[in-house]
Amino acid sequence: MSWESWRDPWKMSNPRNGDTKPPCLPRNGLVKIPTQPNGLGSASITKGTPAVKNRLCQPSSVPAILSPALAPRSDLPIPSLASPLSLAALAGVSSPPGTSLVALNSSEATPGSEHPSPERLPGSPSERQLVVDEKILNRLFWYFSACEKCVLAQVCKAWRRVLYQPKFWVGLTPVLHTKELYNILPGGEKEFVSLQGFAVRGFDGFCLVGVSDLDICEFIDNYPLSKKGVKSMSLKRSTITDAGLEVMLEQMQGVVRLELSGCNDFTEAGLWSSLNARITALSVSDCINVADDAIAAISQLLPNLAELNLQAYHVTDTALAYFTAKQGYTTHTLRLNSCWEITNHGVVNMVHSLPNLSVLSLSGCSKVTDDGVELVAENLRKLRSLDLSWCPRITDMALEYIACDLHKLEELVLDRCVRITDTGLSYLSTMSSLRSLYLRWCCQVQDFGLKHLLGMGSLRLLSLAGCPLLTTTGLSGLVQLQELEELELTNCPGATPELFKYFSQHLPCCMVIE
């Protein structure tokens, strides 16, 4: 997973068409169950730490789940269990290859809720037996989305027992808002909810939104797997301070992936005091106190860093020279998003410090020019993914450098590169390994440029969203790309209903996004 996985960066699933959020689902894991002590002591904040009130909290009706670019599906009907033939047929069908789980809104039956026993279910004894046959259920439940599994877990204890196996929840990260972490007692006091339901399913990653230092301590004390079993933590729009960050990483000794987004109360000193060498993936975005010294802390304290995602307005070229020789070998992914102060000088420092990068994003680094791209192409020959979106100074010349030197490149993102023309696409047409090409809102691309792409048999994904000069005639030629799996034509004036019908007939295996 990438950081959305966190690609969100922490991202982990494949989209399913028509996914919509269910109107309402019961909350899962947030029921009152006696706390299970984990025997590793309590988390606490050192004396003097301010208990800052949460600035921003956006509670939802249910805890959501991180799953990049996906939404829970509610329109898929549950297969009928009334006929023993339907279950018997499913018993002989293996789960679909490549089955992926989508976004989850958790739901769990509260203690005391009534689940019908098999004897009370309608139908003949043989039908009732099939309904709770674990061999059948283990195959059947692979066909449902994560949200649907949450509902199905409430049908009866037998279904819940099967569904609560960790294998059904792999790759999903619960998102919990601060208000969902507490129950309000009759006297007005707050009681931390039980997270036992999440522990049973083996969740090893969480995203906490709008939490404070004390909320994090409560989470550590109440989640049975917090000390050793949690591998990734994401804190968003939270008021965590230096002390809270230090306690969290000290107590949660299994965390190797960390995301901090919109957290404005910790400082660079907090990174120096809390970062641990076990962390291999770090994402920091929209945190106002992050500047060059934060990069110094990351480079010195994280020798095993494999992935760094950074969105910081005050990081300069100097910071990109801080990376150590060890990180030159271990770091394979670097995303510098909207780092406005980075120039070609910073690119020089980066390519010499991190020569083994396979994924690089300079999205929104608006001061980088064609010369910077030439440095990337000449020195980072292992690149498989390059994102130059929102780099307005990039021209066709940069694409020539890319086509000449980056022979392993599989993904190229050029969204909003407004100086790219048909000439640049002619350079890209020589890249035999390129599988994904994004040209969203490249306003100078015309039909003639598309003709250069028609010979690229390796292309599997092409995005032309928002390209205003493409006509219906030019777009119709894309049917020559018979191996194309996804074509995005959103906000494309030349994409007419007749064209989509034409694609459905001549590109039957391609998903066309209107």
Protein backbone atom coordinates (compact mmCIF):
# COMPACT_ATOMS: atom_id res chain seq x y z
CA MET A 1 0.00 0.00 0.00
CA SER A 2 0.99 3.48 -0.71
CA TRP A 3 0.50 6.24 1.44
CA GLU A 4 -3.85 6.51 0.48
CA SER A 5 -2.79 3.76 0.63
CA TRP A 6 -1.35 6.76 1.84
CA ARG A 7 -1.77 7.68 -1.79
CA ASP A 8 -3.48 8.80 0.29
CA PRO A 9 -1.03 7.83 0.05
CA TRP A 10 -2.29 4.85 2.19
CA LYS A 11 -4.23 3.77 -0.40
CA MET A 12 -5.33 -0.20 -1.08
CA SER A 13 -8.36 -1.11 -3.21
CA ASN A 14 -9.73 -1.00 -6.70
CA PRO A 15 -12.75 1.19 -7.44
CA ARG A 16 -16.16 -0.33 -7.97
CA ASN A 17 -18.59 1.48 -10.22
CA GLY A 18 -21.70 2.91 -8.67
CA ASP A 19 -20.42 2.85 -5.11
CA THR A 20 -22.40 5.09 -2.85
CA LYS A 21 -22.43 5.60 0.86
CA PRO A 22 -25.21 3.77 2.64
CA PRO A 23 -27.70 6.16 4.22
CA CYS A 24 -27.24 4.69 7.67
CA LEU A 25 -25.34 1.86 9.27
CA PRO A 26 -25.10 0.92 12.94
CA ARG A 27 -21.77 1.68 14.52
CA ASN A 28 -19.32 -1.13 14.88
CA GLY A 29 -16.83 -1.73 17.65
CA LEU A 30 -18.28 1.20 19.60
CA VAL A 31 -20.32 -0.80 22.08
CA LYS A 32 -19.75 -0.98 25.78
CA ILE A 33 -17.83 -4.14 26.58
CA PRO A 34 -15.62 -4.62 29.67
CA THR A 35 -12.18 -3.26 28.90
CA GLN A 36 -9.54 -5.86 28.16
CA PRO A 37 -6.28 -4.85 29.86
CA ASN A 38 -3.24 -5.37 27.71
CA GLY A 39 -0.82 -5.59 30.57
CA LEU A 40 1.67 -3.12 29.16
CA GLY A 41 0.84 -0.12 31.31
CA SER A 42 -1.07 3.09 30.61
CA ALA A 43 -0.17 5.91 28.34
CA SER A 44 0.14 9.31 29.91
CA ILE A 45 1.26 12.80 29.00
CA THR A 46 4.09 14.41 30.92
CA LYS A 47 3.11 17.06 33.42
CA GLY A 48 2.53 20.46 31.94
CA THR A 49 1.17 19.31 28.58
CA PRO A 50 -1.71 21.61 27.66
CA ALA A 51 -5.07 19.92 27.20
CA VAL A 52 -5.90 21.82 24.05
CA LYS A 53 -9.50 21.72 22.92
CA ASN A 54 -10.04 20.11 19.55
CA ARG A 55 -10.15 22.82 16.91
CA LEU A 56 -11.82 20.85 14.23
CA CYS A 57 -13.94 17.77 14.52
CA GLN A 58 -16.19 16.48 11.81
CA PRO A 59 -18.00 13.53 13.35
CA SER A 60 -19.83 11.19 11.06
CA SER A 61 -22.73 8.95 11.87
CA VAL A 62 -20.43 5.95 11.76
CA PRO A 63 -16.68 5.40 11.74
CA ALA A 64 -15.49 5.42 8.17
CA ILE A 65 -12.64 3.47 6.67
CA LEU A 66 -9.68 4.64 4.61
CA SER A 67 -9.69 3.07 1.20
CA PRO A 68 -8.25 5.37 -1.49
CA ALA A 69 -10.70 6.69 -4.08
CA LEU A 70 -13.42 4.29 -2.97
CA ALA A 71 -16.84 4.55 -1.40
CA PRO A 72 -18.91 1.83 0.25
CA ARG A 73 -21.39 0.12 -1.98
CA SER A 74 -24.96 -0.16 -0.78
CA ASP A 75 -26.78 -1.01 -3.98
CA LEU A 76 -25.53 -4.58 -4.25
CA PRO A 77 -28.38 -6.85 -3.17
CA ILE A 78 -27.68 -9.61 -0.68
CA PRO A 79 -28.08 -12.98 -2.40
CA SER A 80 -31.20 -14.82 -1.39
CA LEU A 81 -30.59 -17.41 1.30
CA ALA A 82 -34.06 -18.89 1.09
CA SER A 83 -33.18 -21.52 -1.47
CA PRO A 84 -30.70 -24.26 -0.56
CA LEU A 85 -29.73 -24.39 -4.22
CA SER A 86 -28.33 -20.85 -4.14
CA LEU A 87 -26.05 -21.70 -1.23
CA ALA A 88 -25.14 -25.09 -2.60
CA ALA A 89 -24.08 -23.48 -5.86
CA LEU A 90 -22.00 -20.91 -4.03
CA ALA A 91 -20.36 -23.66 -2.01
CA GLY A 92 -18.68 -24.88 -5.15
CA VAL A 93 -17.53 -21.45 -6.36
CA SER A 94 -14.23 -20.03 -5.26
CA SER A 95 -13.91 -16.37 -4.37
CA PRO A 96 -13.29 -14.09 -7.34
CA PRO A 97 -9.63 -13.60 -8.20
CA GLY A 98 -8.26 -10.24 -7.13
CA THR A 99 -11.21 -9.60 -4.83
CA SER A 100 -10.63 -6.28 -3.10
CA LEU A 101 -12.40 -4.76 -0.18
CA VAL A 102 -13.85 -1.27 -0.39
CA ALA A 103 -14.47 1.50 2.09
CA LEU A 104 -16.00 0.36 5.34
CA ASN A 105 -18.49 1.91 7.68
CA SER A 106 -18.33 -0.28 10.72
CA SER A 107 -21.36 -1.77 12.40
CA GLU A 108 -21.64 -4.20 15.25
CA ALA A 109 -24.48 -5.64 17.23
CA THR A 110 -24.67 -4.31 20.75
CA PRO A 111 -24.59 -6.73 23.69
CA GLY A 112 -28.04 -7.96 24.44
CA SER A 113 -29.27 -7.59 20.88
CA GLU A 114 -31.16 -10.61 19.69
CA HIS A 115 -29.71 -12.80 16.97
CA PRO A 116 -31.96 -15.52 15.63
CA SER A 117 -30.65 -19.01 16.27
CA PRO A 118 -30.61 -21.48 13.37
CA GLU A 119 -33.63 -23.24 14.84
CA ARG A 120 -35.68 -20.03 14.63
CA LEU A 121 -34.85 -19.27 11.00
CA PRO A 122 -37.62 -19.88 8.45
CA GLY A 123 -37.47 -22.82 6.07
CA SER A 124 -36.80 -26.53 6.33
CA PRO A 125 -34.05 -27.96 8.57
CA SER A 126 -31.82 -28.49 5.55
CA GLU A 127 -32.20 -24.86 4.49
CA ARG A 128 -31.46 -23.63 7.99
CA GLN A 129 -28.35 -25.78 8.14
CA LEU A 130 -27.07 -24.35 4.87
CA VAL A 131 -27.58 -20.80 6.13
CA VAL A 132 -25.07 -21.32 8.94
CA ASP A 133 -22.70 -23.71 7.22
CA GLU A 134 -19.29 -22.11 7.78
CA LYS A 135 -17.74 -23.64 4.69
CA ILE A 136 -20.41 -22.05 2.52
CA LEU A 137 -20.32 -18.76 4.40
CA ASN A 138 -16.55 -18.48 4.06
CA ARG A 139 -17.00 -18.52 0.28
CA LEU A 140 -20.19 -16.48 0.16
CA PHE A 141 -18.96 -13.48 2.14
CA TRP A 142 -16.14 -12.73 -0.29
CA TYR A 143 -18.79 -11.40 -2.69
CA PHE A 144 -19.85 -8.51 -0.43
CA SER A 145 -18.37 -5.09 0.16
CA ALA A 146 -16.97 -4.18 3.55
CA CYS A 147 -20.04 -2.10 4.41
CA GLU A 148 -22.32 -4.98 3.56
CA LYS A 149 -20.27 -7.32 5.71
CA CYS A 150 -20.83 -4.99 8.65
CA VAL A 151 -24.58 -5.39 8.20
CA LEU A 152 -24.39 -9.13 7.59
CA ALA A 153 -22.43 -9.56 10.82
CA GLN A 154 -25.61 -8.60 12.69
CA VAL A 155 -27.77 -11.36 11.21
CA CYS A 156 -26.75 -14.04 13.72
CA LYS A 157 -23.84 -15.14 15.85
CA ALA A 158 -22.77 -17.75 13.30
CA TRP A 159 -22.45 -15.14 10.57
CA ARG A 160 -20.68 -12.76 12.87
CA ARG A 161 -18.21 -15.44 13.93
CA VAL A 162 -17.32 -16.12 10.30
CA LEU A 163 -17.23 -12.46 9.25
CA TYR A 164 -15.03 -11.40 12.14
CA GLN A 165 -12.11 -13.37 10.76
CA PRO A 166 -9.27 -10.96 9.97
CA LYS A 167 -9.03 -12.23 6.37
CA PHE A 168 -12.23 -10.35 5.49
CA TRP A 169 -10.80 -6.99 6.62
CA VAL A 170 -7.29 -7.02 5.22
CA GLY A 171 -6.23 -3.71 3.67
CA LEU A 172 -8.82 -1.57 5.46
CA THR A 173 -8.07 1.15 7.98
CA PRO A 174 -10.79 2.36 10.38
CA VAL A 175 -11.29 6.12 10.51
CA LEU A 176 -12.51 7.28 13.92
CA HIS A 177 -13.54 10.85 14.70
CA THR A 178 -13.00 12.09 18.22
CA LYS A 179 -16.70 12.16 19.15
CA GLU A 180 -17.04 8.54 18.13
CA LEU A 181 -14.47 7.55 20.73
CA TYR A 182 -16.69 8.35 23.71
CA ASN A 183 -20.05 7.36 25.12
CA ILE A 184 -21.94 9.94 27.15
CA LEU A 185 -23.14 8.43 30.42
CA PRO A 186 -26.44 9.44 32.07
CA GLY A 187 -24.59 11.74 34.45
CA GLY A 188 -22.93 13.57 31.59
CA GLU A 189 -19.53 11.95 32.03
CA LYS A 190 -17.65 10.61 29.03
CA GLU A 191 -16.58 6.99 28.80
CA PHE A 192 -14.19 5.71 26.17
CA VAL A 193 -15.85 3.18 23.90
CA SER A 194 -14.69 -0.40 23.61
CA LEU A 195 -12.59 -1.18 20.56
CA GLN A 196 -12.73 -4.92 21.11
CA GLY A 197 -14.70 -5.44 17.88
CA PHE A 198 -11.83 -3.92 15.89
CA ALA A 199 -9.27 -6.05 17.73
CA VAL A 200 -11.14 -9.27 16.93
CA ARG A 201 -10.93 -8.44 13.24
CA GLY A 202 -7.22 -7.76 13.56
CA PHE A 203 -7.05 -4.16 12.37
CA ASP A 204 -3.41 -3.09 12.46
CA GLY A 205 -3.90 0.50 11.30
CA PHE A 206 -6.10 3.42 12.36
CA CYS A 207 -6.85 6.96 11.27
CA LEU A 208 -7.87 9.28 14.11
CA VAL A 209 -9.47 12.61 13.21
CA GLY A 210 -9.65 15.66 15.46
CA VAL A 211 -8.02 14.02 18.47
CA SER A 212 -5.98 15.56 21.28
CA ASP A 213 -3.07 14.19 23.30
CA LEU A 214 -5.44 12.76 25.90
CA ASP A 215 -7.62 11.10 23.26
CA ILE A 216 -4.57 9.33 21.90
CA CYS A 217 -3.62 8.12 25.38
CA GLU A 218 -7.15 6.77 25.86
CA PHE A 219 -6.91 4.99 22.53
CA ILE A 220 -3.62 3.39 23.50
CA ASP A 221 -5.04 2.22 26.83
CA ASN A 222 -8.26 0.85 25.35
CA TYR A 223 -7.24 -0.84 22.11
CA PRO A 224 -5.89 -4.28 23.00
CA LEU A 225 -3.45 -4.39 20.08
CA SER A 226 -2.14 -0.84 20.46
CA LYS A 227 1.23 -1.58 22.02
CA LYS A 228 2.57 -4.11 19.53
CA GLY A 229 -0.11 -4.91 16.95
CA VAL A 230 -0.72 -1.50 15.32
CA LYS A 231 1.57 -1.01 12.33
CA SER A 232 0.25 2.27 10.89
CA MET A 233 -1.21 5.42 12.46
CA SER A 234 -2.72 8.42 10.75
CA LEU A 235 -3.62 11.61 12.63
CA LYS A 236 -5.66 14.20 10.74
CA ARG A 237 -6.73 17.69 11.78
CA SER A 238 -5.66 16.90 15.33
CA THR A 239 -4.22 18.96 18.16
CA ILE A 240 -1.44 16.57 19.05
CA THR A 241 1.55 18.32 20.65
CA ASP A 242 5.21 17.38 20.86
CA ALA A 243 4.56 15.52 24.12
CA GLY A 244 1.62 13.60 22.67
CA LEU A 245 3.59 12.59 19.60
CA GLU A 246 6.47 11.40 21.76
CA VAL A 247 4.19 9.32 24.01
CA MET A 248 2.34 7.78 21.07
CA LEU A 249 5.48 6.56 19.31
CA GLU A 250 7.05 5.43 22.56
CA GLN A 251 4.01 3.43 23.66
CA MET A 252 2.96 2.07 20.24
CA GLN A 253 6.12 0.17 19.52
CA GLY A 254 4.80 -1.57 16.42
CA VAL A 255 4.15 1.57 14.37
CA VAL A 256 6.24 1.62 11.21
CA ARG A 257 3.99 3.86 9.04
CA LEU A 258 3.02 7.32 10.29
CA GLU A 259 0.89 10.07 8.76
CA LEU A 260 0.43 13.57 10.17
CA SER A 261 -1.99 15.79 8.25
CA GLY A 262 -3.31 19.17 9.33
CA CYS A 263 -1.69 18.87 12.76
CA ASN A 264 -0.47 22.36 13.65
CA ASP A 265 0.45 21.99 17.34
CA PHE A 266 3.55 19.83 17.09
CA THR A 267 6.88 21.43 16.18
CA GLU A 268 10.11 20.34 14.60
CA ALA A 269 11.45 19.77 18.11
CA GLY A 270 8.70 17.20 18.57
CA LEU A 271 9.96 15.29 15.53
CA TRP A 272 13.49 15.31 16.91
CA SER A 273 12.29 13.88 20.23
CA SER A 274 9.81 11.30 18.94
CA LEU A 275 10.81 9.82 15.58
CA ASN A 276 12.07 6.26 15.86
CA ALA A 277 14.36 4.36 13.53
CA ARG A 278 11.73 1.62 13.04
CA ILE A 279 9.57 3.97 10.93
CA THR A 280 9.82 3.09 7.25
CA ALA A 281 7.05 5.27 5.80
CA LEU A 282 6.23 8.85 6.78
CA SER A 283 3.68 11.31 5.42
CA VAL A 284 3.50 14.94 6.57
CA SER A 285 1.08 17.43 5.02
CA ASP A 286 -0.50 20.78 5.92
CA CYS A 287 1.45 21.04 9.17
CA ILE A 288 2.48 24.68 9.48
CA ASN A 289 5.54 24.12 11.67
CA VAL A 290 7.32 21.85 9.20
CA ALA A 291 10.33 23.35 7.44
CA ASP A 292 13.93 22.44 6.69
CA ASP A 293 14.77 21.37 10.24
CA ALA A 294 11.99 18.81 10.09
CA ILE A 295 13.68 17.23 7.06
CA ALA A 296 16.94 17.22 9.01
CA ALA A 297 15.23 15.27 11.80
CA ILE A 298 13.73 12.82 9.31
CA SER A 299 17.03 12.25 7.55
CA GLN A 300 19.01 11.75 10.77
CA LEU A 301 16.52 9.68 12.76
CA LEU A 302 14.96 7.44 10.07
CA PRO A 303 17.80 5.48 8.44
CA ASN A 304 15.40 2.80 7.18
CA LEU A 305 12.98 5.22 5.54
CA ALA A 306 11.55 3.69 2.36
CA GLU A 307 8.79 6.20 1.59
CA LEU A 308 8.43 9.91 2.31
CA ASN A 309 5.40 12.00 1.39
CA LEU A 310 5.83 15.67 2.11
CA GLN A 311 3.59 18.66 1.51
CA ALA A 312 5.17 21.70 3.11
CA TYR A 313 5.26 25.27 1.88
CA HIS A 314 8.43 26.28 3.75
CA VAL A 315 10.84 23.50 2.76
CA THR A 316 13.68 24.82 0.63
CA ASP A 317 16.36 23.36 -1.65
CA THR A 318 18.76 23.02 1.28
CA ALA A 319 16.62 20.39 2.96
CA LEU A 320 16.96 17.98 0.04
CA ALA A 321 20.68 17.69 0.69
CA TYR A 322 20.15 16.33 4.22
CA PHE A 323 19.41 12.73 3.25
CA THR A 324 22.06 10.26 4.34
CA ALA A 325 23.94 7.65 2.34
CA LYS A 326 21.86 4.90 4.03
CA GLN A 327 18.64 6.49 2.85
CA GLY A 328 20.13 6.68 -0.62
CA TYR A 329 19.80 2.90 -0.68
CA THR A 330 16.58 2.42 1.30
CA THR A 331 14.34 5.25 0.07
CA HIS A 332 12.46 4.29 -3.07
CA THR A 333 9.46 6.67 -2.93
CA LEU A 334 9.56 10.46 -2.58
CA ARG A 335 6.52 12.68 -3.06
CA LEU A 336 7.07 16.42 -2.77
CA ASN A 337 3.62 17.91 -3.24
CA SER A 338 3.16 21.69 -3.43
CA CYS A 339 6.63 22.39 -2.06
CA TRP A 340 6.63 25.82 -3.63
CA GLU A 341 10.16 26.80 -2.65
CA ILE A 342 11.83 23.83 -4.33
CA THR A 343 13.76 24.81 -7.46
CA ASN A 344 16.11 23.05 -9.86
CA HIS A 345 18.87 23.41 -7.23
CA GLY A 346 16.80 21.29 -4.89
CA VAL A 347 16.38 18.71 -7.65
CA VAL A 348 20.18 18.56 -7.96
CA ASN A 349 20.47 17.80 -4.24
CA MET A 350 17.71 15.20 -4.42
CA VAL A 351 19.03 13.17 -7.36
CA HIS A 352 22.45 12.91 -5.74
CA SER A 353 21.11 12.07 -2.28
CA LEU A 354 18.44 9.56 -3.39
CA PRO A 355 19.66 7.87 -6.57
CA ASN A 356 17.54 4.73 -6.20
CA LEU A 357 14.09 6.30 -6.34
CA SER A 358 11.44 4.37 -8.25
CA VAL A 359 8.52 6.73 -7.47
CA LEU A 360 8.90 10.52 -7.59
CA SER A 361 6.30 13.28 -7.41
CA LEU A 362 7.07 16.95 -7.90
CA SER A 363 3.40 17.85 -8.16
CA GLY A 364 2.83 21.53 -7.52
CA CYS A 365 6.56 22.33 -7.33
CA SER A 366 5.93 25.27 -9.62
CA LYS A 367 9.53 26.52 -9.79
CA VAL A 368 10.88 23.32 -11.36
CA THR A 369 11.65 23.73 -15.07
CA ASP A 370 12.73 21.54 -17.98
CA ASP A 371 16.31 21.62 -16.65
CA GLY A 372 15.15 20.04 -13.42
CA VAL A 373 13.36 17.28 -15.35
CA GLU A 374 16.54 16.68 -17.36
CA LEU A 375 18.42 16.11 -14.10
CA VAL A 376 15.76 13.64 -13.00
CA ALA A 377 15.85 11.75 -16.29
CA GLU A 378 19.63 11.51 -16.42
CA ASN A 379 20.15 10.43 -12.80
CA LEU A 380 17.06 8.46 -11.74
CA ARG A 381 16.99 5.73 -14.37
CA LYS A 382 15.05 3.35 -12.09
CA LEU A 383 11.94 5.54 -12.01
CA ARG A 384 8.69 3.71 -12.68
CA SER A 385 6.32 6.54 -11.70
CA LEU A 386 6.81 10.28 -12.24
CA ASP A 387 4.28 12.99 -11.33
CA LEU A 388 4.87 16.47 -12.78
CA SER A 389 1.30 17.71 -12.45
CA TRP A 390 0.75 21.42 -11.77
CA CYS A 391 4.28 22.28 -12.91
CA PRO A 392 3.45 25.17 -15.27
CA ARG A 393 7.02 25.66 -16.49
CA ILE A 394 7.33 22.17 -17.96
CA THR A 395 7.37 22.13 -21.78
CA ASP A 396 7.72 19.58 -24.56
CA MET A 397 11.48 19.59 -24.03
CA ALA A 398 11.02 17.92 -20.65
CA LEU A 399 9.06 15.12 -22.32
CA GLU A 400 11.93 14.55 -24.73
CA TYR A 401 14.30 14.06 -21.78
CA ILE A 402 11.85 11.63 -20.20
CA ALA A 403 11.39 9.61 -23.38
CA CYS A 404 15.13 9.38 -24.04
CA ASP A 405 16.29 8.28 -20.58
CA LEU A 406 13.46 6.82 -18.48
CA HIS A 407 13.01 3.50 -20.26
CA LYS A 408 11.43 1.78 -17.23
CA LEU A 409 8.77 4.44 -16.65
CA GLU A 410 5.28 2.97 -16.37
CA GLU A 411 3.27 5.94 -15.09
CA LEU A 412 3.51 9.60 -16.09
CA VAL A 413 1.25 12.34 -14.69
CA LEU A 414 1.18 15.66 -16.57
CA ASP A 415 -2.08 17.15 -15.30
CA ARG A 416 -2.26 20.93 -15.73
CA CYS A 417 1.07 21.13 -17.56
CA VAL A 418 -0.36 23.81 -19.79
CA ARG A 419 2.67 24.15 -22.08
CA ILE A 420 2.57 20.55 -23.28
CA THR A 421 1.66 20.31 -26.98
CA ASP A 422 1.28 17.64 -29.65
CA THR A 423 5.04 17.69 -30.15
CA GLY A 424 5.56 16.48 -26.59
CA LEU A 425 3.17 13.60 -27.16
CA SER A 426 5.18 12.54 -30.18
CA TYR A 427 8.19 12.06 -27.88
CA LEU A 428 6.15 9.98 -25.44
CA SER A 429 4.92 7.70 -28.24
CA THR A 430 8.34 6.01 -28.27
CA MET A 431 8.03 4.79 -24.66
CA SER A 432 7.25 1.09 -24.87
CA SER A 433 6.90 0.56 -21.11
CA LEU A 434 4.42 3.37 -20.37
CA ARG A 435 1.13 1.96 -19.06
CA SER A 436 -0.59 5.00 -17.48
CA LEU A 437 -0.64 8.51 -18.96
CA TYR A 438 -2.51 11.42 -17.38
CA LEU A 439 -3.05 14.55 -19.48
CA ARG A 440 -5.89 16.19 -17.56
CA TRP A 441 -6.44 19.84 -18.54
CA CYS A 442 -3.49 19.97 -20.91
CA CYS A 443 -5.17 22.72 -22.87
CA GLN A 444 -2.89 22.65 -25.94
CA VAL A 445 -3.26 18.97 -26.79
CA GLN A 446 -5.13 18.47 -30.08
CA ASP A 447 -6.32 15.61 -32.28
CA PHE A 448 -2.99 15.43 -34.05
CA GLY A 449 -1.27 14.72 -30.76
CA LEU A 450 -3.63 11.83 -30.06
CA LYS A 451 -2.56 10.17 -33.30
CA HIS A 452 0.93 9.79 -31.83
CA LEU A 453 -0.49 7.75 -28.96
CA LEU A 454 -2.39 5.26 -31.12
CA GLY A 455 0.66 3.07 -31.58
CA MET A 456 1.34 2.73 -27.84
CA GLY A 457 0.19 -0.84 -27.31
CA SER A 458 1.43 -0.81 -23.72
CA LEU A 459 -1.07 1.86 -22.60
CA ARG A 460 -3.68 0.59 -20.16
CA LEU A 461 -4.90 3.89 -18.70
CA LEU A 462 -5.32 7.22 -20.50
CA SER A 463 -6.82 10.35 -18.98
CA LEU A 464 -7.81 13.24 -21.26
CA ALA A 465 -10.22 14.92 -18.86
CA GLY A 466 -10.70 18.62 -19.49
CA CYS A 467 -8.73 18.79 -22.75
CA PRO A 468 -10.80 21.42 -24.61
CA LEU A 469 -9.37 21.08 -28.12
CA LEU A 470 -10.06 17.38 -28.66
CA THR A 471 -12.88 16.65 -31.08
CA THR A 472 -15.19 13.69 -31.43
CA THR A 473 -13.34 12.64 -34.57
CA GLY A 474 -9.97 12.70 -32.87
CA LEU A 475 -11.21 10.81 -29.82
CA SER A 476 -12.88 8.12 -31.92
CA GLY A 477 -9.45 7.03 -33.12
CA LEU A 478 -8.67 5.74 -29.63
CA VAL A 479 -10.50 2.51 -30.51
CA GLN A 480 -7.17 1.42 -31.99
CA LEU A 481 -5.88 1.04 -28.41
CA GLN A 482 -7.54 -2.34 -27.95
CA GLU A 483 -5.59 -3.11 -24.77
CA LEU A 484 -6.85 0.04 -23.04
CA GLU A 485 -8.55 -0.72 -19.72
CA GLU A 486 -9.55 2.76 -18.55
CA LEU A 487 -10.24 5.97 -20.47
CA GLU A 488 -11.19 9.20 -18.71
CA LEU A 489 -13.01 11.85 -20.76
CA THR A 490 -14.62 13.94 -18.02
CA ASN A 491 -15.25 17.57 -19.05
CA CYS A 492 -14.05 16.83 -22.56
CA PRO A 493 -16.20 18.81 -25.05
CA GLY A 494 -15.61 16.27 -27.81
CA ALA A 495 -16.96 13.40 -25.72
CA THR A 496 -20.54 13.06 -26.95
CA PRO A 497 -23.17 10.39 -26.15
CA GLU A 498 -22.67 8.99 -29.63
CA LEU A 499 -18.95 8.64 -28.96
CA PHE A 500 -19.55 6.73 -25.72
CA LYS A 501 -21.87 4.37 -27.57
CA TYR A 502 -19.19 3.90 -30.20
CA PHE A 503 -16.62 3.07 -27.50
CA SER A 504 -18.97 0.57 -25.87
CA GLN A 505 -19.12 -1.30 -29.16
CA HIS A 506 -15.45 -1.13 -30.15
CA LEU A 507 -13.74 -1.02 -26.71
CA PRO A 508 -15.90 -3.48 -24.79
CA CYS A 509 -13.22 -4.26 -22.22
CA CYS A 510 -12.41 -0.60 -21.47
CA MET A 511 -14.01 1.37 -18.66
CA VAL A 512 -14.84 4.80 -20.12
CA ILE A 513 -15.32 7.52 -17.51
CA GLU A 514 -17.72 10.15 -18.80
